Amino acid sequence: MTIKTYLLGMGLSTIVSFAAWVLVLQNVDPNSAGLLGFLLFYFTLFFALTSFFSLVGFYFRRKIFENSIEFKQVEIAFRQGMFFAVTFVGLLILQGERVLDVYSAFLFVLFVVVMEFYFLVKK
């Protein structure tokens, strides 16, 4: 797979994921949808944010590290995009459950940062 094919596929998946998320927002009543409605909301948001953050991350990584291998930058940008999405959706879930405060947010973000450091050191 070439970089151009990857970017095209990721861009298309971003559009489809955000469209699915908007459809869930418009058509699912949170009061009567139950668990399935919330799962659809969070999963579509997660996929949309992962693809969006991956594209943005790859763009910035390409500008900052011009002489590096692009396939390596794709891998790192995707992983970091997924971590950003996990952080955003995780904090949103905590807020939805009314347990989000400064300490829980700090611990959650710290956990995600430690996971990223693990993957950076692992290689």
PDB file of N, CA and C in Angstrom:
ATOM      1  N   MET A   1       0.854  -1.176   0.000  1.00  0.00           N
ATOM      2  CA  MET A   1       0.000   0.000   0.000  1.00  0.00           C
ATOM      3  C   MET A   1       0.897   1.235   0.000  1.00  0.00           C
ATOM      4  N   THR A   2       0.564   2.155  -0.841  1.00  0.00           N
ATOM      5  CA  THR A   2       1.328   3.387  -0.902  1.00  0.00           C
ATOM      6  C   THR A   2       0.779   4.393   0.111  1.00  0.00           C
ATOM      7  N   ILE A   3       1.560   5.425   0.337  1.00  0.00           N
ATOM      8  CA  ILE A   3       1.137   6.482   1.258  1.00  0.00           C
ATOM      9  C   ILE A   3      -0.113   7.175   0.725  1.00  0.00           C
ATOM     10  N   LYS A   4      -0.149   7.380  -0.574  1.00  0.00           N
ATOM     11  CA  LYS A   4      -1.307   8.046  -1.179  1.00  0.00           C
ATOM     12  C   LYS A   4      -2.577   7.221  -0.977  1.00  0.00           C
ATOM     13  N   THR A   5      -2.481   5.902  -1.150  1.00  0.00           N
ATOM     14  CA  THR A   5      -3.632   5.027  -0.942  1.00  0.00           C
ATOM     15  C   THR A   5      -4.071   5.051   0.512  1.00  0.00           C
ATOM     16  N   TYR A   6      -3.107   5.024   1.418  1.00  0.00           N
ATOM     17  CA  TYR A   6      -3.424   5.069   2.847  1.00  0.00           C
ATOM     18  C   TYR A   6      -4.145   6.369   3.189  1.00  0.00           C
ATOM     19  N   LEU A   7      -3.618   7.487   2.718  1.00  0.00           N
ATOM     20  CA  LEU A   7      -4.219   8.783   3.029  1.00  0.00           C
ATOM     21  C   LEU A   7      -5.615   8.903   2.428  1.00  0.00           C
ATOM     22  N   LEU A   8      -5.793   8.385   1.234  1.00  0.00           N
ATOM     23  CA  LEU A   8      -7.111   8.408   0.605  1.00  0.00           C
ATOM     24  C   LEU A   8      -8.107   7.555   1.394  1.00  0.00           C
ATOM     25  N   GLY A   9      -7.686   6.366   1.777  1.00  0.00           N
ATOM     26  CA  GLY A   9      -8.552   5.495   2.575  1.00  0.00           C
ATOM     27  C   GLY A   9      -8.860   6.072   3.942  1.00  0.00           C
ATOM     28  N   MET A  10      -7.861   6.671   4.575  1.00  0.00           N
ATOM     29  CA  MET A  10      -8.078   7.268   5.888  1.00  0.00           C
ATOM     30  C   MET A  10      -8.976   8.501   5.782  1.00  0.00           C
ATOM     31  N   GLY A  11      -8.803   9.270   4.733  1.00  0.00           N
ATOM     32  CA  GLY A  11      -9.676  10.426   4.534  1.00  0.00           C
ATOM     33  C   GLY A  11     -11.112  10.003   4.289  1.00  0.00           C
ATOM     34  N   LEU A  12     -11.286   8.960   3.493  1.00  0.00           N
ATOM     35  CA  LEU A  12     -12.634   8.437   3.244  1.00  0.00           C
ATOM     36  C   LEU A  12     -13.249   7.871   4.515  1.00  0.00           C
ATOM     37  N   SER A  13     -12.450   7.165   5.307  1.00  0.00           N
ATOM     38  CA  SER A  13     -12.986   6.620   6.557  1.00  0.00           C
ATOM     39  C   SER A  13     -13.313   7.723   7.553  1.00  0.00           C
ATOM     40  N   THR A  14     -12.588   8.825   7.507  1.00  0.00           N
ATOM     41  CA  THR A  14     -12.914   9.966   8.363  1.00  0.00           C
ATOM     42  C   THR A  14     -14.281  10.523   8.008  1.00  0.00           C
ATOM     43  N   ILE A  15     -14.521  10.698   6.727  1.00  0.00           N
ATOM     44  CA  ILE A  15     -15.804  11.244   6.275  1.00  0.00           C
ATOM     45  C   ILE A  15     -16.953  10.294   6.617  1.00  0.00           C
ATOM     46  N   VAL A  16     -16.756   9.007   6.351  1.00  0.00           N
ATOM     47  CA  VAL A  16     -17.806   8.025   6.638  1.00  0.00           C
ATOM     48  C   VAL A  16     -18.061   7.930   8.140  1.00  0.00           C
ATOM     49  N   SER A  17     -17.009   7.948   8.932  1.00  0.00           N
ATOM     50  CA  SER A  17     -17.175   7.842  10.385  1.00  0.00           C
ATOM     51  C   SER A  17     -17.888   9.051  10.959  1.00  0.00           C
ATOM     52  N   PHE A  18     -17.509  10.247  10.514  1.00  0.00           N
ATOM     53  CA  PHE A  18     -18.198  11.433  11.011  1.00  0.00           C
ATOM     54  C   PHE A  18     -19.655  11.460  10.531  1.00  0.00           C
ATOM     55  N   ALA A  19     -19.905  10.978   9.317  1.00  0.00           N
ATOM     56  CA  ALA A  19     -21.286  10.911   8.828  1.00  0.00           C
ATOM     57  C   ALA A  19     -22.100   9.919   9.670  1.00  0.00           C
ATOM     58  N   ALA A  20     -21.507   8.792  10.014  1.00  0.00           N
ATOM     59  CA  ALA A  20     -22.198   7.818  10.868  1.00  0.00           C
ATOM     60  C   ALA A  20     -22.456   8.397  12.250  1.00  0.00           C
ATOM     61  N   TRP A  21     -21.498   9.135  12.779  1.00  0.00           N
ATOM     62  CA  TRP A  21     -21.677   9.754  14.088  1.00  0.00           C
ATOM     63  C   TRP A  21     -22.811  10.781  14.059  1.00  0.00           C
ATOM     64  N   VAL A  22     -22.864  11.579  12.999  1.00  0.00           N
ATOM     65  CA  VAL A  22     -23.938  12.564  12.874  1.00  0.00           C
ATOM     66  C   VAL A  22     -25.290  11.858  12.746  1.00  0.00           C
ATOM     67  N   LEU A  23     -25.337  10.760  11.992  1.00  0.00           N
ATOM     68  CA  LEU A  23     -26.582   9.992  11.891  1.00  0.00           C
ATOM     69  C   LEU A  23     -27.021   9.447  13.254  1.00  0.00           C
ATOM     70  N   VAL A  24     -26.069   8.980  14.034  1.00  0.00           N
ATOM     71  CA  VAL A  24     -26.401   8.503  15.376  1.00  0.00           C
ATOM     72  C   VAL A  24     -26.915   9.664  16.221  1.00  0.00           C
ATOM     73  N   LEU A  25     -26.272  10.817  16.127  1.00  0.00           N
ATOM     74  CA  LEU A  25     -26.724  11.985  16.893  1.00  0.00           C
ATOM     75  C   LEU A  25     -28.152  12.389  16.527  1.00  0.00           C
ATOM     76  N   GLN A  26     -28.461  12.324  15.242  1.00  0.00           N
ATOM     77  CA  GLN A  26     -29.773  12.772  14.792  1.00  0.00           C
ATOM     78  C   GLN A  26     -30.881  11.748  15.027  1.00  0.00           C
ATOM     79  N   ASN A  27     -30.559  10.471  14.974  1.00  0.00           N
ATOM     80  CA  ASN A  27     -31.605   9.457  14.951  1.00  0.00           C
ATOM     81  C   ASN A  27     -31.737   8.613  16.216  1.00  0.00           C
ATOM     82  N   VAL A  28     -30.823   8.730  17.146  1.00  0.00           N
ATOM     83  CA  VAL A  28     -30.883   7.898  18.344  1.00  0.00           C
ATOM     84  C   VAL A  28     -31.295   8.763  19.527  1.00  0.00           C
ATOM     85  N   ASP A  29     -32.368   8.361  20.168  1.00  0.00           N
ATOM     86  CA  ASP A  29     -32.846   9.047  21.364  1.00  0.00           C
ATOM     87  C   ASP A  29     -32.140   8.442  22.577  1.00  0.00           C
ATOM     88  N   PRO A  30     -31.306   9.217  23.287  1.00  0.00           N
ATOM     89  CA  PRO A  30     -30.553   8.641  24.405  1.00  0.00           C
ATOM     90  C   PRO A  30     -31.440   8.170  25.560  1.00  0.00           C
ATOM     91  N   ASN A  31     -32.644   8.695  25.651  1.00  0.00           N
ATOM     92  CA  ASN A  31     -33.535   8.284  26.739  1.00  0.00           C
ATOM     93  C   ASN A  31     -34.152   6.903  26.514  1.00  0.00           C
ATOM     94  N   SER A  32     -34.324   6.521  25.252  1.00  0.00           N
ATOM     95  CA  SER A  32     -34.961   5.238  24.971  1.00  0.00           C
ATOM     96  C   SER A  32     -34.056   4.240  24.253  1.00  0.00           C
ATOM     97  N   ALA A  33     -32.839   4.649  23.896  1.00  0.00           N
ATOM     98  CA  ALA A  33     -31.976   3.777  23.102  1.00  0.00           C
ATOM     99  C   ALA A  33     -31.308   2.695  23.936  1.00  0.00           C
ATOM    100  N   GLY A  34     -31.076   2.957  25.185  1.00  0.00           N
ATOM    101  CA  GLY A  34     -30.414   1.975  26.028  1.00  0.00           C
ATOM    102  C   GLY A  34     -28.925   1.889  25.731  1.00  0.00           C
ATOM    103  N   LEU A  35     -28.355   0.744  26.051  1.00  0.00           N
ATOM    104  CA  LEU A  35     -26.919   0.538  25.911  1.00  0.00           C
ATOM    105  C   LEU A  35     -26.465   0.590  24.457  1.00  0.00           C
ATOM    106  N   LEU A  36     -27.259   0.041  23.554  1.00  0.00           N
ATOM    107  CA  LEU A  36     -26.884   0.020  22.138  1.00  0.00           C
ATOM    108  C   LEU A  36     -26.714   1.431  21.580  1.00  0.00           C
ATOM    109  N   GLY A  37     -27.576   2.344  21.947  1.00  0.00           N
ATOM    110  CA  GLY A  37     -27.464   3.723  21.476  1.00  0.00           C
ATOM    111  C   GLY A  37     -26.191   4.390  21.950  1.00  0.00           C
ATOM    112  N   PHE A  38     -25.848   4.160  23.213  1.00  0.00           N
ATOM    113  CA  PHE A  38     -24.619   4.746  23.741  1.00  0.00           C
ATOM    114  C   PHE A  38     -23.381   4.113  23.112  1.00  0.00           C
ATOM    115  N   LEU A  39     -23.415   2.802  22.903  1.00  0.00           N
ATOM    116  CA  LEU A  39     -22.284   2.144  22.247  1.00  0.00           C
ATOM    117  C   LEU A  39     -22.096   2.655  20.825  1.00  0.00           C
ATOM    118  N   LEU A  40     -23.189   2.819  20.082  1.00  0.00           N
ATOM    119  CA  LEU A  40     -23.090   3.375  18.729  1.00  0.00           C
ATOM    120  C   LEU A  40     -22.498   4.781  18.758  1.00  0.00           C
ATOM    121  N   PHE A  41     -22.950   5.588  19.696  1.00  0.00           N
ATOM    122  CA  PHE A  41     -22.444   6.952  19.808  1.00  0.00           C
ATOM    123  C   PHE A  41     -20.941   6.959  20.070  1.00  0.00           C
ATOM    124  N   TYR A  42     -20.505   6.196  21.073  1.00  0.00           N
ATOM    125  CA  TYR A  42     -19.086   6.224  21.445  1.00  0.00           C
ATOM    126  C   TYR A  42     -18.195   5.556  20.409  1.00  0.00           C
ATOM    127  N   PHE A  43     -18.640   4.449  19.801  1.00  0.00           N
ATOM    128  CA  PHE A  43     -17.812   3.782  18.801  1.00  0.00           C
ATOM    129  C   PHE A  43     -17.669   4.613  17.523  1.00  0.00           C
ATOM    130  N   THR A  44     -18.762   5.194  17.057  1.00  0.00           N
ATOM    131  CA  THR A  44     -18.644   6.009  15.843  1.00  0.00           C
ATOM    132  C   THR A  44     -17.789   7.246  16.105  1.00  0.00           C
ATOM    133  N   LEU A  45     -17.931   7.833  17.283  1.00  0.00           N
ATOM    134  CA  LEU A  45     -17.082   8.978  17.634  1.00  0.00           C
ATOM    135  C   LEU A  45     -15.622   8.555  17.731  1.00  0.00           C
ATOM    136  N   PHE A  46     -15.364   7.396  18.325  1.00  0.00           N
ATOM    137  CA  PHE A  46     -13.994   6.909  18.446  1.00  0.00           C
ATOM    138  C   PHE A  46     -13.354   6.696  17.076  1.00  0.00           C
ATOM    139  N   PHE A  47     -14.073   6.042  16.169  1.00  0.00           N
ATOM    140  CA  PHE A  47     -13.509   5.798  14.836  1.00  0.00           C
ATOM    141  C   PHE A  47     -13.297   7.104  14.070  1.00  0.00           C
ATOM    142  N   ALA A  48     -14.219   8.031  14.205  1.00  0.00           N
ATOM    143  CA  ALA A  48     -14.074   9.314  13.518  1.00  0.00           C
ATOM    144  C   ALA A  48     -12.873  10.085  14.054  1.00  0.00           C
ATOM    145  N   LEU A  49     -12.726  10.115  15.365  1.00  0.00           N
ATOM    146  CA  LEU A  49     -11.599  10.842  15.952  1.00  0.00           C
ATOM    147  C   LEU A  49     -10.270  10.161  15.678  1.00  0.00           C
ATOM    148  N   THR A  50     -10.252   8.845  15.695  1.00  0.00           N
ATOM    149  CA  THR A  50      -9.010   8.128  15.394  1.00  0.00           C
ATOM    150  C   THR A  50      -8.525   8.443  13.988  1.00  0.00           C
ATOM    151  N   SER A  51      -9.402   8.367  13.022  1.00  0.00           N
ATOM    152  CA  SER A  51      -8.973   8.649  11.642  1.00  0.00           C
ATOM    153  C   SER A  51      -8.623  10.121  11.465  1.00  0.00           C
ATOM    154  N   PHE A  52      -9.381  11.011  12.090  1.00  0.00           N
ATOM    155  CA  PHE A  52      -9.090  12.438  11.968  1.00  0.00           C
ATOM    156  C   PHE A  52      -7.736  12.781  12.605  1.00  0.00           C
ATOM    157  N   PHE A  53      -7.520  12.328  13.833  1.00  0.00           N
ATOM    158  CA  PHE A  53      -6.256  12.622  14.510  1.00  0.00           C
ATOM    159  C   PHE A  53      -5.075  11.958  13.816  1.00  0.00           C
ATOM    160  N   SER A  54      -5.296  10.793  13.213  1.00  0.00           N
ATOM    161  CA  SER A  54      -4.217  10.132  12.467  1.00  0.00           C
ATOM    162  C   SER A  54      -3.811  10.948  11.250  1.00  0.00           C
ATOM    163  N   LEU A  55      -4.783  11.467  10.534  1.00  0.00           N
ATOM    164  CA  LEU A  55      -4.470  12.298   9.366  1.00  0.00           C
ATOM    165  C   LEU A  55      -3.760  13.586   9.770  1.00  0.00           C
ATOM    166  N   VAL A  56      -4.280  14.242  10.785  1.00  0.00           N
ATOM    167  CA  VAL A  56      -3.661  15.488  11.247  1.00  0.00           C
ATOM    168  C   VAL A  56      -2.259  15.217  11.784  1.00  0.00           C
ATOM    169  N   GLY A  57      -2.123  14.135  12.553  1.00  0.00           N
ATOM    170  CA  GLY A  57      -0.812  13.777  13.091  1.00  0.00           C
ATOM    171  C   GLY A  57       0.189  13.454  12.007  1.00  0.00           C
ATOM    172  N   PHE A  58      -0.253  12.733  10.980  1.00  0.00           N
ATOM    173  CA  PHE A  58       0.664  12.421   9.885  1.00  0.00           C
ATOM    174  C   PHE A  58       1.076  13.689   9.144  1.00  0.00           C
ATOM    175  N   TYR A  59       0.145  14.595   8.939  1.00  0.00           N
ATOM    176  CA  TYR A  59       0.472  15.850   8.262  1.00  0.00           C
ATOM    177  C   TYR A  59       1.548  16.613   9.038  1.00  0.00           C
ATOM    178  N   PHE A  60       1.359  16.752  10.347  1.00  0.00           N
ATOM    179  CA  PHE A  60       2.344  17.484  11.149  1.00  0.00           C
ATOM    180  C   PHE A  60       3.666  16.737  11.236  1.00  0.00           C
ATOM    181  N   ARG A  61       3.605  15.418  11.344  1.00  0.00           N
ATOM    182  CA  ARG A  61       4.846  14.649  11.404  1.00  0.00           C
ATOM    183  C   ARG A  61       5.614  14.749  10.083  1.00  0.00           C
ATOM    184  N   ARG A  62       4.898  14.812   8.969  1.00  0.00           N
ATOM    185  CA  ARG A  62       5.565  14.948   7.677  1.00  0.00           C
ATOM    186  C   ARG A  62       6.241  16.309   7.556  1.00  0.00           C
ATOM    187  N   LYS A  63       5.597  17.346   8.088  1.00  0.00           N
ATOM    188  CA  LYS A  63       6.193  18.690   8.045  1.00  0.00           C
ATOM    189  C   LYS A  63       7.388  18.813   8.974  1.00  0.00           C
ATOM    190  N   ILE A  64       7.313  18.187  10.150  1.00  0.00           N
ATOM    191  CA  ILE A  64       8.396  18.314  11.130  1.00  0.00           C
ATOM    192  C   ILE A  64       9.572  17.416  10.759  1.00  0.00           C
ATOM    193  N   PHE A  65       9.307  16.171  10.416  1.00  0.00           N
ATOM    194  CA  PHE A  65      10.352  15.199  10.096  1.00  0.00           C
ATOM    195  C   PHE A  65      10.348  14.935   8.598  1.00  0.00           C
ATOM    196  N   GLU A  66      10.871  15.875   7.827  1.00  0.00           N
ATOM    197  CA  GLU A  66      10.798  15.791   6.363  1.00  0.00           C
ATOM    198  C   GLU A  66      11.641  14.663   5.779  1.00  0.00           C
ATOM    199  N   ASN A  67      12.745  14.333   6.407  1.00  0.00           N
ATOM    200  CA  ASN A  67      13.666  13.361   5.821  1.00  0.00           C
ATOM    201  C   ASN A  67      13.522  11.960   6.402  1.00  0.00           C
ATOM    202  N   SER A  68      12.462  11.702   7.140  1.00  0.00           N
ATOM    203  CA  SER A  68      12.309  10.382   7.740  1.00  0.00           C
ATOM    204  C   SER A  68      11.450   9.483   6.835  1.00  0.00           C
ATOM    205  N   ILE A  69      11.392   8.233   7.194  1.00  0.00           N
ATOM    206  CA  ILE A  69      10.627   7.251   6.427  1.00  0.00           C
ATOM    207  C   ILE A  69       9.143   7.478   6.691  1.00  0.00           C
ATOM    208  N   GLU A  70       8.374   7.644   5.627  1.00  0.00           N
ATOM    209  CA  GLU A  70       6.964   7.991   5.776  1.00  0.00           C
ATOM    210  C   GLU A  70       6.142   6.854   6.373  1.00  0.00           C
ATOM    211  N   PHE A  71       6.491   5.615   6.080  1.00  0.00           N
ATOM    212  CA  PHE A  71       5.720   4.500   6.624  1.00  0.00           C
ATOM    213  C   PHE A  71       5.852   4.437   8.145  1.00  0.00           C
ATOM    214  N   LYS A  72       7.014   4.789   8.644  1.00  0.00           N
ATOM    215  CA  LYS A  72       7.202   4.843  10.101  1.00  0.00           C
ATOM    216  C   LYS A  72       6.362   5.972  10.691  1.00  0.00           C
ATOM    217  N   GLN A  73       6.286   7.093   9.991  1.00  0.00           N
ATOM    218  CA  GLN A  73       5.473   8.214  10.465  1.00  0.00           C
ATOM    219  C   GLN A  73       3.987   7.870  10.458  1.00  0.00           C
ATOM    220  N   VAL A  74       3.554   7.068   9.491  1.00  0.00           N
ATOM    221  CA  VAL A  74       2.153   6.630   9.429  1.00  0.00           C
ATOM    222  C   VAL A  74       1.827   5.787  10.653  1.00  0.00           C
ATOM    223  N   GLU A  75       2.707   4.875  10.986  1.00  0.00           N
ATOM    224  CA  GLU A  75       2.483   4.007  12.142  1.00  0.00           C
ATOM    225  C   GLU A  75       2.389   4.809  13.435  1.00  0.00           C
ATOM    226  N   ILE A  76       3.306   5.724  13.624  1.00  0.00           N
ATOM    227  CA  ILE A  76       3.310   6.540  14.844  1.00  0.00           C
ATOM    228  C   ILE A  76       2.091   7.460  14.876  1.00  0.00           C
ATOM    229  N   ALA A  77       1.762   8.064  13.756  1.00  0.00           N
ATOM    230  CA  ALA A  77       0.608   8.973  13.712  1.00  0.00           C
ATOM    231  C   ALA A  77      -0.687   8.221  13.994  1.00  0.00           C
ATOM    232  N   PHE A  78      -0.816   6.998  13.477  1.00  0.00           N
ATOM    233  CA  PHE A  78      -2.030   6.221  13.738  1.00  0.00           C
ATOM    234  C   PHE A  78      -2.137   5.854  15.214  1.00  0.00           C
ATOM    235  N   ARG A  79      -1.033   5.409  15.792  1.00  0.00           N
ATOM    236  CA  ARG A  79      -1.042   5.045  17.215  1.00  0.00           C
ATOM    237  C   ARG A  79      -1.378   6.257  18.084  1.00  0.00           C
ATOM    238  N   GLN A  80      -0.763   7.385  17.801  1.00  0.00           N
ATOM    239  CA  GLN A  80      -1.041   8.574  18.590  1.00  0.00           C
ATOM    240  C   GLN A  80      -2.448   9.097  18.344  1.00  0.00           C
ATOM    241  N   GLY A  81      -2.950   8.953  17.127  1.00  0.00           N
ATOM    242  CA  GLY A  81      -4.326   9.332  16.845  1.00  0.00           C
ATOM    243  C   GLY A  81      -5.300   8.476  17.632  1.00  0.00           C
ATOM    244  N   MET A  82      -4.977   7.185  17.753  1.00  0.00           N
ATOM    245  CA  MET A  82      -5.829   6.307  18.536  1.00  0.00           C
ATOM    246  C   MET A  82      -5.764   6.683  20.018  1.00  0.00           C
ATOM    247  N   PHE A  83      -4.596   7.018  20.511  1.00  0.00           N
ATOM    248  CA  PHE A  83      -4.484   7.423  21.913  1.00  0.00           C
ATOM    249  C   PHE A  83      -5.231   8.731  22.187  1.00  0.00           C
ATOM    250  N   PHE A  84      -5.161   9.676  21.253  1.00  0.00           N
ATOM    251  CA  PHE A  84      -5.936  10.913  21.425  1.00  0.00           C
ATOM    252  C   PHE A  84      -7.433  10.608  21.457  1.00  0.00           C
ATOM    253  N   ALA A  85      -7.869   9.724  20.571  1.00  0.00           N
ATOM    254  CA  ALA A  85      -9.287   9.368  20.537  1.00  0.00           C
ATOM    255  C   ALA A  85      -9.706   8.635  21.801  1.00  0.00           C
ATOM    256  N   VAL A  86      -8.865   7.730  22.293  1.00  0.00           N
ATOM    257  CA  VAL A  86      -9.158   7.027  23.539  1.00  0.00           C
ATOM    258  C   VAL A  86      -9.265   8.026  24.686  1.00  0.00           C
ATOM    259  N   THR A  87      -8.368   8.980  24.718  1.00  0.00           N
ATOM    260  CA  THR A  87      -8.405   9.993  25.769  1.00  0.00           C
ATOM    261  C   THR A  87      -9.682  10.813  25.698  1.00  0.00           C
ATOM    262  N   PHE A  88     -10.006  11.294  24.522  1.00  0.00           N
ATOM    263  CA  PHE A  88     -11.196  12.132  24.364  1.00  0.00           C
ATOM    264  C   PHE A  88     -12.471  11.367  24.708  1.00  0.00           C
ATOM    265  N   VAL A  89     -12.627  10.181  24.134  1.00  0.00           N
ATOM    266  CA  VAL A  89     -13.832   9.395  24.366  1.00  0.00           C
ATOM    267  C   VAL A  89     -13.872   8.896  25.812  1.00  0.00           C
ATOM    268  N   GLY A  90     -12.731   8.516  26.363  1.00  0.00           N
ATOM    269  CA  GLY A  90     -12.696   8.075  27.754  1.00  0.00           C
ATOM    270  C   GLY A  90     -13.119   9.171  28.713  1.00  0.00           C
ATOM    271  N   LEU A  91     -12.613  10.376  28.490  1.00  0.00           N
ATOM    272  CA  LEU A  91     -13.026  11.499  29.339  1.00  0.00           C
ATOM    273  C   LEU A  91     -14.505  11.815  29.140  1.00  0.00           C
ATOM    274  N   LEU A  92     -14.989  11.663  27.937  1.00  0.00           N
ATOM    275  CA  LEU A  92     -16.409  11.892  27.669  1.00  0.00           C
ATOM    276  C   LEU A  92     -17.285  10.842  28.380  1.00  0.00           C
ATOM    277  N   ILE A  93     -16.828   9.603  28.400  1.00  0.00           N
ATOM    278  CA  ILE A  93     -17.558   8.559  29.121  1.00  0.00           C
ATOM    279  C   ILE A  93     -17.555   8.844  30.621  1.00  0.00           C
ATOM    280  N   LEU A  94     -16.402   9.235  31.146  1.00  0.00           N
ATOM    281  CA  LEU A  94     -16.347   9.580  32.571  1.00  0.00           C
ATOM    282  C   LEU A  94     -17.285  10.740  32.894  1.00  0.00           C
ATOM    283  N   GLN A  95     -17.347  11.722  32.021  1.00  0.00           N
ATOM    284  CA  GLN A  95     -18.261  12.840  32.233  1.00  0.00           C
ATOM    285  C   GLN A  95     -19.716  12.380  32.157  1.00  0.00           C
ATOM    286  N   GLY A  96     -20.000  11.486  31.245  1.00  0.00           N
ATOM    287  CA  GLY A  96     -21.355  10.960  31.116  1.00  0.00           C
ATOM    288  C   GLY A  96     -21.795  10.180  32.341  1.00  0.00           C
ATOM    289  N   GLU A  97     -20.849   9.547  33.006  1.00  0.00           N
ATOM    290  CA  GLU A  97     -21.150   8.809  34.234  1.00  0.00           C
ATOM    291  C   GLU A  97     -21.055   9.700  35.475  1.00  0.00           C
ATOM    292  N   ARG A  98     -20.754  10.943  35.288  1.00  0.00           N
ATOM    293  CA  ARG A  98     -20.647  11.936  36.369  1.00  0.00           C
ATOM    294  C   ARG A  98     -19.544  11.601  37.381  1.00  0.00           C
ATOM    295  N   VAL A  99     -18.443  11.035  36.907  1.00  0.00           N
ATOM    296  CA  VAL A  99     -17.313  10.750  37.787  1.00  0.00           C
ATOM    297  C   VAL A  99     -16.055  11.507  37.365  1.00  0.00           C
ATOM    298  N   LEU A 100     -16.185  12.389  36.411  1.00  0.00           N
ATOM    299  CA  LEU A 100     -15.031  13.142  35.936  1.00  0.00           C
ATOM    300  C   LEU A 100     -14.761  14.312  36.866  1.00  0.00           C
ATOM    301  N   ASP A 101     -13.578  14.333  37.416  1.00  0.00           N
ATOM    302  CA  ASP A 101     -13.082  15.494  38.143  1.00  0.00           C
ATOM    303  C   ASP A 101     -11.621  15.661  37.751  1.00  0.00           C
ATOM    304  N   VAL A 102     -10.960  16.600  38.356  1.00  0.00           N
ATOM    305  CA  VAL A 102      -9.578  16.899  37.972  1.00  0.00           C
ATOM    306  C   VAL A 102      -8.677  15.702  38.212  1.00  0.00           C
ATOM    307  N   TYR A 103      -8.869  15.014  39.309  1.00  0.00           N
ATOM    308  CA  TYR A 103      -7.994  13.886  39.657  1.00  0.00           C
ATOM    309  C   TYR A 103      -8.199  12.697  38.722  1.00  0.00           C
ATOM    310  N   SER A 104      -9.439  12.360  38.441  1.00  0.00           N
ATOM    311  CA  SER A 104      -9.678  11.232  37.545  1.00  0.00           C
ATOM    312  C   SER A 104      -9.232  11.561  36.123  1.00  0.00           C
ATOM    313  N   ALA A 105      -9.414  12.803  35.707  1.00  0.00           N
ATOM    314  CA  ALA A 105      -8.942  13.203  34.376  1.00  0.00           C
ATOM    315  C   ALA A 105      -7.422  13.122  34.309  1.00  0.00           C
ATOM    316  N   PHE A 106      -6.764  13.592  35.358  1.00  0.00           N
ATOM    317  CA  PHE A 106      -5.299  13.543  35.399  1.00  0.00           C
ATOM    318  C   PHE A 106      -4.808  12.102  35.349  1.00  0.00           C
ATOM    319  N   LEU A 107      -5.417  11.227  36.132  1.00  0.00           N
ATOM    320  CA  LEU A 107      -5.004   9.826  36.140  1.00  0.00           C
ATOM    321  C   LEU A 107      -5.269   9.148  34.794  1.00  0.00           C
ATOM    322  N   PHE A 108      -6.378   9.470  34.179  1.00  0.00           N
ATOM    323  CA  PHE A 108      -6.696   8.874  32.882  1.00  0.00           C
ATOM    324  C   PHE A 108      -5.694   9.325  31.821  1.00  0.00           C
ATOM    325  N   VAL A 109      -5.419  10.623  31.770  1.00  0.00           N
ATOM    326  CA  VAL A 109      -4.455  11.142  30.793  1.00  0.00           C
ATOM    327  C   VAL A 109      -3.064  10.602  31.096  1.00  0.00           C
ATOM    328  N   LEU A 110      -2.713  10.510  32.359  1.00  0.00           N
ATOM    329  CA  LEU A 110      -1.410   9.953  32.742  1.00  0.00           C
ATOM    330  C   LEU A 110      -1.281   8.504  32.274  1.00  0.00           C
ATOM    331  N   PHE A 111      -2.349   7.727  32.406  1.00  0.00           N
ATOM    332  CA  PHE A 111      -2.331   6.350  31.939  1.00  0.00           C
ATOM    333  C   PHE A 111      -2.081   6.277  30.436  1.00  0.00           C
ATOM    334  N   VAL A 112      -2.741   7.134  29.673  1.00  0.00           N
ATOM    335  CA  VAL A 112      -2.557   7.135  28.215  1.00  0.00           C
ATOM    336  C   VAL A 112      -1.142   7.572  27.853  1.00  0.00           C
ATOM    337  N   VAL A 113      -0.614   8.555  28.552  1.00  0.00           N
ATOM    338  CA  VAL A 113       0.759   9.012  28.287  1.00  0.00           C
ATOM    339  C   VAL A 113       1.761   7.908  28.609  1.00  0.00           C
ATOM    340  N   VAL A 114       1.553   7.187  29.694  1.00  0.00           N
ATOM    341  CA  VAL A 114       2.442   6.076  30.042  1.00  0.00           C
ATOM    342  C   VAL A 114       2.377   4.992  28.971  1.00  0.00           C
ATOM    343  N   MET A 115       1.197   4.730  28.446  1.00  0.00           N
ATOM    344  CA  MET A 115       1.079   3.756  27.363  1.00  0.00           C
ATOM    345  C   MET A 115       1.869   4.206  26.130  1.00  0.00           C
ATOM    346  N   GLU A 116       1.804   5.480  25.800  1.00  0.00           N
ATOM    347  CA  GLU A 116       2.563   5.990  24.650  1.00  0.00           C
ATOM    348  C   GLU A 116       4.061   5.869  24.905  1.00  0.00           C
ATOM    349  N   PHE A 117       4.500   6.188  26.101  1.00  0.00           N
ATOM    350  CA  PHE A 117       5.920   6.029  26.426  1.00  0.00           C
ATOM    351  C   PHE A 117       6.353   4.573  26.335  1.00  0.00           C
ATOM    352  N   TYR A 118       5.475   3.672  26.724  1.00  0.00           N
ATOM    353  CA  TYR A 118       5.783   2.251  26.605  1.00  0.00           C
ATOM    354  C   TYR A 118       6.046   1.886  25.150  1.00  0.00           C
ATOM    355  N   PHE A 119       5.199   2.341  24.256  1.00  0.00           N
ATOM    356  CA  PHE A 119       5.380   2.015  22.840  1.00  0.00           C
ATOM    357  C   PHE A 119       6.605   2.710  22.248  1.00  0.00           C
ATOM    358  N   LEU A 120       6.926   3.900  22.740  1.00  0.00           N
ATOM    359  CA  LEU A 120       8.129   4.581  22.254  1.00  0.00           C
ATOM    360  C   LEU A 120       9.392   3.876  22.708  1.00  0.00           C
ATOM    361  N   VAL A 121       9.422   3.421  23.960  1.00  0.00           N
ATOM    362  CA  VAL A 121      10.607   2.760  24.504  1.00  0.00           C
ATOM    363  C   VAL A 121      10.734   1.335  23.984  1.00  0.00           C
ATOM    364  N   LYS A 122       9.609   0.697  23.712  1.00  0.00           N
ATOM    365  CA  LYS A 122       9.608  -0.685  23.244  1.00  0.00           C
ATOM    366  C   LYS A 122      10.401  -0.884  21.967  1.00  0.00           C
ATOM    367  N   LYS A 123      10.419   0.124  21.109  1.00  0.00           N
ATOM    368  CA  LYS A 123      11.079  -0.021  19.818  1.00  0.00           C
ATOM    369  C   LYS A 123      12.494   0.263  19.920  1.00  0.00           C
TER     370      LYS A 123
END
